[in-house]
C-alpha atoms as a PDB file:
ATOM      1  CA  UNK A   1      75.000   7.507 -41.475  1.00  0.00           C
ATOM      2  CA  UNK A   2      73.392   4.066 -41.719  1.00  0.00           C
ATOM      3  CA  UNK A   3      70.312   2.994 -39.829  1.00  0.00           C
ATOM      4  CA  UNK A   4      70.905   0.300 -37.182  1.00  0.00           C
ATOM      5  CA  UNK A   5      69.450  -3.211 -37.358  1.00  0.00           C
ATOM      6  CA  UNK A   6      67.257  -2.404 -34.327  1.00  0.00           C
ATOM      7  CA  UNK A   7      65.774   0.505 -36.200  1.00  0.00           C
ATOM      8  CA  UNK A   8      65.077  -1.557 -39.206  1.00  0.00           C
ATOM      9  CA  UNK A   9      63.465  -4.289 -37.177  1.00  0.00           C
ATOM     10  CA  UNK A  10      61.278  -1.753 -35.239  1.00  0.00           C
ATOM     11  CA  UNK A  11      60.221  -0.021 -38.447  1.00  0.00           C
ATOM     12  CA  UNK A  12      59.439  -3.276 -40.281  1.00  0.00           C
ATOM     13  CA  UNK A  13      57.449  -4.698 -37.328  1.00  0.00           C
ATOM     14  CA  UNK A  14      55.559  -1.347 -37.203  1.00  0.00           C
ATOM     15  CA  UNK A  15      54.608  -1.782 -40.871  1.00  0.00           C
ATOM     16  CA  UNK A  16      53.468  -5.297 -40.287  1.00  0.00           C
ATOM     17  CA  UNK A  17      51.320  -4.321 -37.288  1.00  0.00           C
ATOM     18  CA  UNK A  18      49.869  -1.489 -39.284  1.00  0.00           C
ATOM     19  CA  UNK A  19      48.937  -3.861 -42.134  1.00  0.00           C
ATOM     20  CA  UNK A  20      47.344  -6.192 -39.671  1.00  0.00           C
ATOM     21  CA  UNK A  21      45.345  -3.305 -38.110  1.00  0.00           C
ATOM     22  CA  UNK A  22      44.071  -2.239 -41.490  1.00  0.00           C
ATOM     23  CA  UNK A  23      43.358  -5.826 -42.463  1.00  0.00           C
ATOM     24  CA  UNK A  24      41.374  -6.362 -39.327  1.00  0.00           C
ATOM     25  CA  UNK A  25      39.443  -3.100 -39.781  1.00  0.00           C
ATOM     26  CA  UNK A  26      38.585  -3.969 -43.515  1.00  0.00           C
ATOM     27  CA  UNK A  27      38.073  -7.724 -43.092  1.00  0.00           C
ATOM     28  CA  UNK A  28      37.175  -8.190 -39.490  1.00  0.00           C
ATOM     29  CA  UNK A  29      36.607 -11.987 -39.626  1.00  0.00           C
ATOM     30  CA  UNK A  30      40.000 -12.909 -41.209  1.00  0.00           C
ATOM     31  CA  UNK A  31      41.172 -14.398 -37.915  1.00  0.00           C
ATOM     32  CA  UNK A  32      38.101 -16.617 -37.680  1.00  0.00           C
ATOM     33  CA  UNK A  33      38.519 -17.682 -41.368  1.00  0.00           C
ATOM     34  CA  UNK A  34      42.229 -18.638 -40.939  1.00  0.00           C
ATOM     35  CA  UNK A  35      42.016 -20.367 -37.512  1.00  0.00           C
ATOM     36  CA  UNK A  36      38.399 -21.623 -37.744  1.00  0.00           C
ATOM     37  CA  UNK A  37      37.725 -20.089 -34.308  1.00  0.00           C
ATOM     38  CA  UNK A  38      35.456 -17.370 -32.961  1.00  0.00           C
ATOM     39  CA  UNK A  39      36.952 -16.163 -29.683  1.00  0.00           C
ATOM     40  CA  UNK A  40      34.144 -13.576 -29.278  1.00  0.00           C
ATOM     41  CA  UNK A  41      31.291 -15.828 -30.496  1.00  0.00           C
ATOM     42  CA  UNK A  42      30.728 -13.549 -33.432  1.00  0.00           C
ATOM     43  CA  UNK A  43      29.891 -10.257 -31.604  1.00  0.00           C
ATOM     44  CA  UNK A  44      32.917  -8.281 -33.114  1.00  0.00           C
ATOM     45  CA  UNK A  45      34.556  -7.457 -29.740  1.00  0.00           C
ATOM     46  CA  UNK A  46      37.692  -9.451 -30.458  1.00  0.00           C
ATOM     47  CA  UNK A  47      38.178  -7.702 -33.816  1.00  0.00           C
ATOM     48  CA  UNK A  48      37.678  -4.236 -32.366  1.00  0.00           C
ATOM     49  CA  UNK A  49      40.220  -4.816 -29.627  1.00  0.00           C
ATOM     50  CA  UNK A  50      42.619  -6.364 -32.113  1.00  0.00           C
ATOM     51  CA  UNK A  51      42.573  -3.213 -34.291  1.00  0.00           C
ATOM     52  CA  UNK A  52      43.202  -1.118 -31.151  1.00  0.00           C
ATOM     53  CA  UNK A  53      46.031  -3.365 -29.997  1.00  0.00           C
ATOM     54  CA  UNK A  54      47.793  -3.460 -33.468  1.00  0.00           C
ATOM     55  CA  UNK A  55      47.466   0.341 -33.743  1.00  0.00           C
ATOM     56  CA  UNK A  56      48.938   0.917 -30.321  1.00  0.00           C
ATOM     57  CA  UNK A  57      51.883  -1.481 -31.031  1.00  0.00           C
ATOM     58  CA  UNK A  58      52.446   0.305 -34.352  1.00  0.00           C
ATOM     59  CA  UNK A  59      52.696   3.712 -32.636  1.00  0.00           C
ATOM     60  CA  UNK A  60      55.124   2.328 -30.008  1.00  0.00           C
ATOM     61  CA  UNK A  61      57.393   0.586 -32.547  1.00  0.00           C
ATOM     62  CA  UNK A  62      57.518   3.627 -34.893  1.00  0.00           C
ATOM     63  CA  UNK A  63      58.250   5.858 -31.898  1.00  0.00           C
ATOM     64  CA  UNK A  64      61.091   3.636 -30.872  1.00  0.00           C
ATOM     65  CA  UNK A  65      62.359   3.491 -34.495  1.00  0.00           C
ATOM     66  CA  UNK A  66      62.154   7.259 -34.864  1.00  0.00           C
ATOM     67  CA  UNK A  67      64.159   7.721 -31.665  1.00  0.00           C
ATOM     68  CA  UNK A  68      66.767   5.289 -32.794  1.00  0.00           C
ATOM     69  CA  UNK A  69      66.938   6.987 -36.239  1.00  0.00           C
ATOM     70  CA  UNK A  70      67.246  10.471 -34.705  1.00  0.00           C
ATOM     71  CA  UNK A  71      70.042   9.136 -32.472  1.00  0.00           C
ATOM     72  CA  UNK A  72      71.919   7.967 -35.540  1.00  0.00           C
ATOM     73  CA  UNK A  73      71.205  11.095 -37.584  1.00  0.00           C
ATOM     74  CA  UNK A  74      72.401  13.495 -34.884  1.00  0.00           C
ATOM     75  CA  UNK A  75      75.323  11.820 -33.672  1.00  0.00           C
END
C-alpha cells in the first residue's frame, strides 16, 4: 500500500516544524537576525513561545500523518 499525498504533506510539514523548533531552541535569535526585528524587545519570550508553538504543531501534524498511514496500512 502506498502512502497518500496528504500523509506525505503532513509528515513533511511535521519535519519542517520540528527543525524550526530545534533551530529556535539552539539559536533563539535567528528570527531577529533574518528579519531584523525584535518582537519581544530582546527578553526571549517570543523565542520561548515559538519553540512551544512549533513543537505543538509538529505533534498535531505527525498525529494526523500517523492516523492517515494507519488507515492506508489497515485497509
